């Protein structure tokens, strides 16, 4: 499973640098457990199917989501409107698509349409208690943070 970590980090760094014009810095990897309660305001989730199945998510607090949306649209946002949810959906879609390209030589994989979950302190319930959920925190902007999480199962 560790062979997935660096590609995910590289893809995130590239997507935020090239699409959003901002740098992100990866923190220390950790594993999510059912007991972990994260305090995010919005998450974008994409499912994986094929030779690799699972899911990828990106989660952040409202201030990071609003600032990220401003970098993409040029407009200020202070609530979760359609632009903000679209921006988060687009970011996770691009991250998943670029990660899929990295693994295409080894695995045939399809990605789903993005789903957005919004609400302070929401939890993502992952499909199985036996699967490892890798989490990579990233710092973004001056004081923002986001979390990339992924769970994969090789068929």
Protein backbone atom coordinates (compact mmCIF):
# COMPACT_ATOMS: atom_id res chain seq x y z
CA UNK A 1 0.00 0.00 0.00
CA UNK A 2 2.87 2.38 0.65
CA UNK A 3 3.53 2.57 -3.13
CA UNK A 4 0.45 4.82 -3.34
CA UNK A 5 1.63 7.52 -0.93
CA UNK A 6 4.22 9.38 -3.02
CA UNK A 7 2.07 9.47 -6.17
CA UNK A 8 -0.80 10.99 -4.20
CA UNK A 9 1.51 13.62 -2.68
CA UNK A 10 3.05 14.48 -6.06
CA UNK A 11 -0.36 14.74 -7.75
CA UNK A 12 -1.72 17.03 -4.99
CA UNK A 13 1.34 19.28 -5.16
CA UNK A 14 1.04 19.49 -8.94
CA UNK A 15 -2.73 20.11 -9.02
CA UNK A 16 -2.61 22.93 -6.48
CA UNK A 17 0.47 24.51 -8.05
CA UNK A 18 -0.77 24.35 -11.64
CA UNK A 19 -4.52 24.80 -11.24
CA UNK A 20 -4.73 27.04 -8.19
CA UNK A 21 -1.37 28.82 -8.34
CA UNK A 22 -0.63 27.91 -4.73
CA UNK A 23 1.77 25.58 -3.00
CA UNK A 24 0.73 22.85 -0.60
CA UNK A 25 3.07 21.13 1.81
CA UNK A 26 2.48 17.55 2.92
CA UNK A 27 2.56 16.70 6.59
CA UNK A 28 3.05 13.34 8.25
CA UNK A 29 0.97 10.43 7.04
CA UNK A 30 -1.42 8.88 9.54
CA UNK A 31 -4.12 6.23 9.43
CA UNK A 32 -7.73 7.10 10.10
CA UNK A 33 -9.66 4.92 12.48
CA UNK A 34 -13.38 4.81 13.13
CA UNK A 35 -12.68 6.55 16.45
CA UNK A 36 -11.08 9.60 14.78
CA UNK A 37 -13.40 12.56 14.64
CA UNK A 38 -12.24 15.14 12.14
CA UNK A 39 -13.47 18.71 12.19
CA UNK A 40 -13.95 19.50 8.50
CA UNK A 41 -16.63 21.62 6.88
CA UNK A 42 -16.62 20.19 3.35
CA UNK A 43 -15.34 17.03 1.66
CA UNK A 44 -15.19 15.87 -1.92
CA UNK A 45 -15.23 12.10 -2.46
CA UNK A 46 -14.60 9.96 -5.53
CA UNK A 47 -14.95 6.19 -5.73
CA UNK A 48 -12.48 3.90 -7.49
CA UNK A 49 -13.40 0.65 -9.22
CA UNK A 50 -11.59 -1.93 -11.31
CA UNK A 51 -8.27 -3.51 -10.42
CA UNK A 52 -7.98 -0.92 -7.66
CA UNK A 53 -11.16 -0.22 -5.73
CA UNK A 54 -11.79 2.18 -2.89
CA UNK A 55 -12.19 5.91 -2.53
CA UNK A 56 -10.30 9.19 -2.41
CA UNK A 57 -11.45 12.23 -0.45
CA UNK A 58 -10.28 15.74 0.18
CA UNK A 59 -11.56 17.59 3.25
CA UNK A 60 -11.08 21.11 4.53
CA UNK A 61 -12.46 23.85 6.76
CA UNK A 62 -14.67 26.57 5.31
CA UNK A 63 -11.96 29.28 5.18
CA UNK A 64 -9.68 27.09 3.03
CA UNK A 65 -12.60 26.13 0.76
CA UNK A 66 -13.60 29.78 0.29
CA UNK A 67 -10.03 30.87 -0.42
CA UNK A 68 -9.50 27.96 -2.82
CA UNK A 69 -12.70 28.89 -4.67
CA UNK A 70 -11.54 32.50 -4.91
CA UNK A 71 -8.29 31.37 -6.57
CA UNK A 72 -10.33 29.43 -9.14
CA UNK A 73 -13.17 31.89 -9.79
CA UNK A 74 -11.73 35.27 -8.79
CA UNK A 75 -14.81 35.97 -6.64
CA UNK A 76 -15.05 36.19 -2.84
CA UNK A 77 -17.18 33.58 -1.08
CA UNK A 78 -18.29 33.38 2.54
CA UNK A 79 -20.86 30.60 2.36
CA UNK A 80 -21.17 27.19 0.75
CA UNK A 81 -22.77 28.14 -2.54
CA UNK A 82 -22.68 26.31 -5.89
CA UNK A 83 -19.29 27.79 -6.82
CA UNK A 84 -17.68 26.42 -3.65
CA UNK A 85 -19.14 22.94 -3.98
CA UNK A 86 -18.26 22.88 -7.68
CA UNK A 87 -14.67 23.94 -6.91
CA UNK A 88 -14.20 21.19 -4.33
CA UNK A 89 -15.75 18.65 -6.71
CA UNK A 90 -13.46 19.77 -9.52
CA UNK A 91 -10.35 19.58 -7.32
CA UNK A 92 -11.07 16.01 -6.16
CA UNK A 93 -11.98 15.03 -9.72
CA UNK A 94 -8.65 16.31 -11.05
CA UNK A 95 -6.68 14.70 -8.21
CA UNK A 96 -8.40 11.35 -8.80
CA UNK A 97 -8.01 11.59 -12.58
CA UNK A 98 -4.31 12.46 -12.38
CA UNK A 99 -3.68 9.72 -9.84
CA UNK A 100 -5.49 7.26 -12.10
CA UNK A 101 -3.10 8.25 -14.92
CA UNK A 102 -0.09 7.54 -12.68
CA UNK A 103 -1.32 3.99 -12.05
CA UNK A 104 -2.60 3.24 -15.59
CA UNK A 105 0.50 1.25 -16.49
CA UNK A 106 -0.12 -1.15 -13.60
CA UNK A 107 -3.86 -1.11 -12.95
CA UNK A 108 -7.08 -0.56 -14.90
CA UNK A 109 -9.22 1.67 -12.76
CA UNK A 110 -12.33 3.79 -13.24
CA UNK A 111 -13.37 6.78 -11.14
CA UNK A 112 -16.89 7.81 -10.20
CA UNK A 113 -18.43 11.24 -10.33
CA UNK A 114 -17.50 13.35 -7.29
CA UNK A 115 -19.81 13.58 -4.30
CA UNK A 116 -19.71 16.53 -1.92
CA UNK A 117 -20.47 16.33 1.79
CA UNK A 118 -20.89 19.62 3.62
CA UNK A 119 -21.48 20.29 7.31
CA UNK A 120 -19.30 21.21 10.26
CA UNK A 121 -17.66 18.18 11.84
CA UNK A 122 -19.08 15.67 9.35
CA UNK A 123 -17.65 12.16 9.17
CA UNK A 124 -16.94 10.03 6.15
CA UNK A 125 -17.91 6.45 6.82
CA UNK A 126 -15.51 4.28 4.84
CA UNK A 127 -16.75 0.98 3.36
CA UNK A 128 -15.03 -1.55 5.61
CA UNK A 129 -13.50 -1.63 9.04
CA UNK A 130 -10.75 -3.90 7.68
CA UNK A 131 -9.42 -1.43 5.11
CA UNK A 132 -6.56 0.98 5.88
CA UNK A 133 -7.43 4.63 5.37
CA UNK A 134 -4.31 6.63 4.53
CA UNK A 135 -4.45 10.32 5.44
CA UNK A 136 -2.03 12.99 4.29
CA UNK A 137 -2.53 16.44 5.79
CA UNK A 138 -1.44 19.39 3.67
CA UNK A 139 -0.93 22.99 4.63
CA UNK A 140 -2.34 25.46 2.13
CA UNK A 141 -2.36 29.26 2.00
CA UNK A 142 -1.07 31.08 5.07
CA UNK A 143 -3.20 29.30 7.65
CA UNK A 144 -5.24 26.65 5.86
CA UNK A 145 -5.18 22.91 6.05
CA UNK A 146 -6.67 20.16 3.97
CA UNK A 147 -6.68 16.40 4.29
CA UNK A 148 -6.31 13.93 1.46
CA UNK A 149 -7.57 10.50 2.47
CA UNK A 150 -7.62 7.34 0.44
CA UNK A 151 -8.45 3.71 0.90
CA UNK A 152 -7.54 1.24 -1.81
CA UNK A 153 -7.92 -2.47 -2.29
CA UNK A 154 -6.07 -4.26 -5.08
CA UNK A 155 -8.25 -6.91 -6.72
